[in-house]
N, C-alpha and C. Protein backbone atom coordinates (compact mmCIF):
# COMPACT_ATOMS: atom_id res chain seq x y z
N MET A 1 -51.43 73.64 -78.57
CA MET A 1 -52.44 74.56 -77.76
C MET A 1 -53.70 73.63 -77.86
N THR A 2 -54.19 73.59 -76.49
CA THR A 2 -55.33 72.84 -76.23
C THR A 2 -56.59 73.67 -76.46
N PRO A 3 -57.78 73.07 -76.69
CA PRO A 3 -58.85 73.83 -76.96
C PRO A 3 -59.34 74.53 -75.61
N ASN A 4 -59.84 75.84 -75.64
CA ASN A 4 -60.22 76.53 -74.69
C ASN A 4 -61.70 76.88 -74.49
N ILE A 5 -62.37 77.18 -75.62
CA ILE A 5 -63.78 77.58 -75.72
C ILE A 5 -64.47 76.86 -76.97
N ALA A 6 -65.64 76.46 -76.80
CA ALA A 6 -66.39 75.98 -77.94
C ALA A 6 -67.64 76.95 -78.00
N VAL A 7 -68.02 77.25 -79.22
CA VAL A 7 -69.14 78.19 -79.44
C VAL A 7 -70.25 77.54 -80.20
N VAL A 8 -71.25 77.44 -79.61
CA VAL A 8 -72.51 76.50 -80.12
C VAL A 8 -73.63 77.66 -80.42
N ARG A 9 -74.05 77.37 -81.70
CA ARG A 9 -75.26 78.26 -82.15
C ARG A 9 -76.23 77.22 -82.92
N ILE A 10 -77.57 77.43 -82.54
CA ILE A 10 -78.69 76.74 -83.07
C ILE A 10 -79.56 77.68 -83.78
N GLU A 11 -79.88 77.36 -85.10
CA GLU A 11 -80.74 78.16 -85.93
C GLU A 11 -81.75 77.32 -86.55
N THR A 12 -83.01 77.81 -86.47
CA THR A 12 -84.11 77.26 -87.01
C THR A 12 -84.71 78.18 -87.98
N PRO A 13 -85.67 77.90 -88.93
CA PRO A 13 -86.43 78.94 -89.83
C PRO A 13 -87.07 80.01 -89.07
N HIS A 14 -87.48 79.74 -87.87
CA HIS A 14 -88.40 80.70 -87.09
C HIS A 14 -87.64 81.36 -85.94
N TRP A 15 -86.39 80.72 -85.57
CA TRP A 15 -85.76 81.31 -84.24
C TRP A 15 -84.24 81.07 -84.41
N ARG A 16 -83.55 82.10 -83.96
CA ARG A 16 -82.20 82.19 -84.13
C ARG A 16 -81.48 82.44 -82.58
N SER A 17 -80.77 81.45 -82.27
CA SER A 17 -80.30 81.45 -80.70
C SER A 17 -79.00 82.46 -80.80
N ILE A 18 -78.65 82.90 -79.69
CA ILE A 18 -77.55 83.56 -79.36
C ILE A 18 -76.35 82.60 -79.27
N PRO A 19 -75.20 82.84 -79.48
CA PRO A 19 -74.07 81.93 -79.41
C PRO A 19 -73.80 81.49 -77.94
N LEU A 20 -73.66 80.21 -77.66
CA LEU A 20 -73.47 79.79 -76.33
C LEU A 20 -71.97 79.38 -76.28
N TRP A 21 -71.22 80.20 -75.34
CA TRP A 21 -69.88 80.01 -75.29
C TRP A 21 -69.74 78.79 -74.17
N ILE A 22 -68.96 77.83 -74.37
CA ILE A 22 -68.81 76.82 -73.24
C ILE A 22 -67.40 76.75 -73.05
N PRO A 23 -66.91 77.07 -71.74
CA PRO A 23 -65.49 77.14 -71.51
C PRO A 23 -64.86 75.62 -71.32
N LEU A 24 -64.13 75.06 -72.33
CA LEU A 24 -63.65 73.84 -72.27
C LEU A 24 -62.45 73.80 -71.35
N PHE A 25 -61.80 74.78 -71.06
CA PHE A 25 -60.65 74.76 -70.03
C PHE A 25 -61.13 74.30 -68.63
N LEU A 26 -62.46 74.51 -68.30
CA LEU A 26 -62.85 73.98 -67.14
C LEU A 26 -62.95 72.29 -67.11
N LEU A 27 -63.03 71.76 -68.27
CA LEU A 27 -63.07 70.33 -68.47
C LEU A 27 -61.50 69.76 -68.17
N TRP A 28 -60.63 70.56 -68.25
CA TRP A 28 -59.11 70.00 -67.94
C TRP A 28 -59.10 69.76 -66.37
N ILE A 29 -59.79 70.47 -65.52
CA ILE A 29 -59.62 70.13 -64.10
C ILE A 29 -59.94 68.60 -63.76
N PRO A 30 -61.18 68.10 -64.30
CA PRO A 30 -61.47 66.65 -63.98
C PRO A 30 -60.45 65.85 -64.75
N VAL A 31 -60.09 66.16 -65.84
CA VAL A 31 -59.15 65.40 -66.64
C VAL A 31 -57.69 65.25 -66.00
N ILE A 32 -57.30 66.31 -65.44
CA ILE A 32 -56.02 66.19 -64.61
C ILE A 32 -56.06 65.31 -63.43
N LEU A 33 -57.25 65.47 -62.87
CA LEU A 33 -57.58 64.65 -61.55
C LEU A 33 -57.64 63.17 -62.13
N LEU A 34 -58.31 62.86 -63.03
CA LEU A 34 -58.42 61.49 -63.51
C LEU A 34 -57.32 61.09 -64.39
N SER A 35 -56.34 61.86 -64.42
CA SER A 35 -55.19 61.39 -65.61
C SER A 35 -54.45 60.12 -65.18
N PRO A 36 -54.13 59.83 -63.83
CA PRO A 36 -53.62 58.59 -63.66
C PRO A 36 -54.54 57.32 -64.03
N ILE A 37 -55.76 57.35 -64.05
CA ILE A 37 -56.66 56.25 -64.35
C ILE A 37 -56.56 56.27 -65.89
N LEU A 38 -56.88 57.64 -66.55
CA LEU A 38 -56.82 57.61 -67.94
C LEU A 38 -55.50 56.99 -68.60
N LEU A 39 -54.42 57.43 -68.08
CA LEU A 39 -53.05 56.92 -68.42
C LEU A 39 -53.12 55.24 -68.33
N LEU A 40 -53.44 54.64 -67.40
CA LEU A 40 -53.39 53.26 -67.14
C LEU A 40 -54.51 52.68 -68.23
N VAL A 41 -55.60 53.23 -68.45
CA VAL A 41 -56.54 52.78 -69.47
C VAL A 41 -55.81 52.84 -70.82
N ILE A 42 -55.42 53.98 -71.23
CA ILE A 42 -54.65 54.06 -72.42
C ILE A 42 -53.52 53.14 -72.87
N VAL A 43 -52.77 52.96 -71.75
CA VAL A 43 -51.66 51.98 -71.88
C VAL A 43 -52.21 50.58 -72.05
N GLY A 44 -53.08 50.26 -71.11
CA GLY A 44 -53.74 48.92 -71.28
C GLY A 44 -54.32 48.68 -72.50
N LEU A 45 -54.97 49.50 -73.04
CA LEU A 45 -55.67 49.35 -74.39
C LEU A 45 -54.54 49.46 -75.47
N SER A 46 -53.70 50.05 -75.44
CA SER A 46 -52.52 50.12 -76.41
C SER A 46 -51.75 48.83 -76.44
N ILE A 47 -51.48 48.05 -75.15
CA ILE A 47 -50.86 46.96 -75.07
C ILE A 47 -51.68 45.83 -75.67
N ALA A 48 -52.96 45.94 -75.31
CA ALA A 48 -53.95 44.79 -75.81
C ALA A 48 -54.26 44.86 -77.40
N GLY A 49 -54.07 46.11 -77.81
CA GLY A 49 -54.11 46.23 -79.25
C GLY A 49 -52.72 46.12 -80.00
N ARG A 50 -51.79 45.91 -79.14
CA ARG A 50 -50.36 45.72 -79.84
C ARG A 50 -49.71 46.98 -80.36
N VAL A 51 -50.06 48.00 -79.76
CA VAL A 51 -49.61 49.38 -80.29
C VAL A 51 -48.66 50.00 -79.30
N ASP A 52 -47.62 50.70 -79.53
CA ASP A 52 -46.68 51.29 -78.75
C ASP A 52 -47.41 52.31 -77.76
N PRO A 53 -47.35 52.21 -76.51
CA PRO A 53 -48.16 53.15 -75.66
C PRO A 53 -47.76 54.58 -75.82
N LEU A 54 -46.39 54.85 -76.07
CA LEU A 54 -46.11 56.19 -76.31
C LEU A 54 -46.66 56.83 -77.67
N ARG A 55 -46.51 55.94 -78.55
CA ARG A 55 -47.11 56.27 -79.74
C ARG A 55 -48.63 56.65 -79.69
N ALA A 56 -49.39 55.91 -78.98
CA ALA A 56 -50.83 56.10 -78.73
C ALA A 56 -51.07 57.39 -78.00
N LEU A 57 -50.21 57.65 -76.98
CA LEU A 57 -50.38 58.91 -76.33
C LEU A 57 -49.93 60.21 -77.20
N SER A 58 -49.00 60.05 -77.98
CA SER A 58 -48.53 61.00 -78.98
C SER A 58 -49.67 61.38 -79.95
N VAL A 59 -50.40 60.34 -80.43
CA VAL A 59 -51.47 60.54 -81.23
C VAL A 59 -52.66 61.19 -80.71
N ILE A 60 -53.06 60.77 -79.43
CA ILE A 60 -54.17 61.41 -78.65
C ILE A 60 -53.83 62.77 -78.38
N TRP A 61 -52.62 63.08 -77.94
CA TRP A 61 -52.31 64.50 -77.79
C TRP A 61 -52.33 65.39 -79.05
N GLY A 62 -51.81 64.77 -80.02
CA GLY A 62 -51.87 65.46 -81.44
C GLY A 62 -53.32 65.78 -81.74
N ILE A 63 -54.22 64.88 -81.55
CA ILE A 63 -55.77 65.06 -81.90
C ILE A 63 -56.25 66.31 -81.09
N VAL A 64 -55.93 66.20 -79.71
CA VAL A 64 -56.35 67.18 -78.80
C VAL A 64 -55.99 68.55 -79.13
N CYS A 65 -54.64 68.70 -79.46
CA CYS A 65 -54.14 69.92 -79.86
C CYS A 65 -54.61 70.54 -81.30
N SER A 66 -55.03 69.64 -82.05
CA SER A 66 -55.49 70.06 -83.41
C SER A 66 -56.96 70.52 -83.35
N LEU A 67 -57.62 70.30 -82.32
CA LEU A 67 -59.06 70.69 -82.21
C LEU A 67 -59.38 72.20 -82.37
N PRO A 68 -58.51 73.21 -81.82
CA PRO A 68 -58.83 74.53 -82.08
C PRO A 68 -58.95 74.97 -83.48
N GLY A 69 -59.82 75.59 -84.05
CA GLY A 69 -60.00 76.03 -85.31
C GLY A 69 -61.19 75.15 -86.13
N THR A 70 -61.57 74.04 -85.33
CA THR A 70 -62.53 73.09 -86.01
C THR A 70 -64.00 73.72 -86.04
N ASN A 71 -64.61 73.67 -87.11
CA ASN A 71 -65.93 74.04 -87.38
C ASN A 71 -66.71 72.97 -87.87
N VAL A 72 -67.88 72.66 -87.14
CA VAL A 72 -68.65 71.54 -87.46
C VAL A 72 -70.18 72.28 -87.74
N ARG A 73 -70.68 72.08 -88.94
CA ARG A 73 -71.89 72.47 -89.39
C ARG A 73 -72.78 71.40 -89.74
N VAL A 74 -74.02 71.27 -89.20
CA VAL A 74 -74.93 70.22 -89.38
C VAL A 74 -76.30 71.00 -89.79
N THR A 75 -76.85 70.61 -91.00
CA THR A 75 -78.14 71.05 -91.31
C THR A 75 -79.15 70.07 -91.63
N SER A 76 -80.45 70.13 -91.09
CA SER A 76 -81.21 69.12 -91.30
C SER A 76 -82.75 69.79 -91.36
N GLU A 77 -83.40 69.67 -92.46
CA GLU A 77 -84.72 70.37 -92.56
C GLU A 77 -84.79 71.81 -92.11
N GLY A 78 -83.84 72.65 -92.57
CA GLY A 78 -83.85 73.97 -92.19
C GLY A 78 -83.25 74.38 -90.90
N THR A 79 -83.09 73.38 -89.93
CA THR A 79 -82.36 73.81 -88.77
C THR A 79 -80.90 73.58 -88.82
N LYS A 80 -80.16 74.46 -88.42
CA LYS A 80 -78.63 74.54 -88.48
C LYS A 80 -78.09 74.40 -87.00
N VAL A 81 -77.01 73.62 -86.85
CA VAL A 81 -76.29 73.61 -85.69
C VAL A 81 -74.80 73.74 -86.04
N VAL A 82 -74.31 74.80 -85.42
CA VAL A 82 -72.89 75.36 -85.69
C VAL A 82 -72.05 75.14 -84.50
N VAL A 83 -70.93 74.43 -84.53
CA VAL A 83 -70.00 74.39 -83.40
C VAL A 83 -68.87 74.81 -83.68
N ARG A 84 -68.19 75.71 -83.22
CA ARG A 84 -66.86 76.26 -83.45
C ARG A 84 -65.97 75.89 -82.26
N ILE A 85 -64.80 75.54 -82.29
CA ILE A 85 -63.78 75.21 -81.15
C ILE A 85 -62.73 76.34 -81.37
N LEU A 86 -62.55 77.11 -80.24
CA LEU A 86 -61.52 78.05 -80.37
C LEU A 86 -60.32 77.81 -79.55
């Protein structure tokens, strides 16, 4: 399953933002349009690095499909940034 939505929330000691919902499925439109170029770049880089192109595509697809459920929390001097990918 590909990631569909990212939820971003920024919290400071004095201010708490509302969650910002970013629709990631809209990013798939330009990715699909640029897919022939991306495919050539990935194949070229994998051949230059002496890696099987199908293996490289498989690993990239596995990483993209494992993104849902990812939670990233960064805290610095009382400010928190939380990113969840659904």
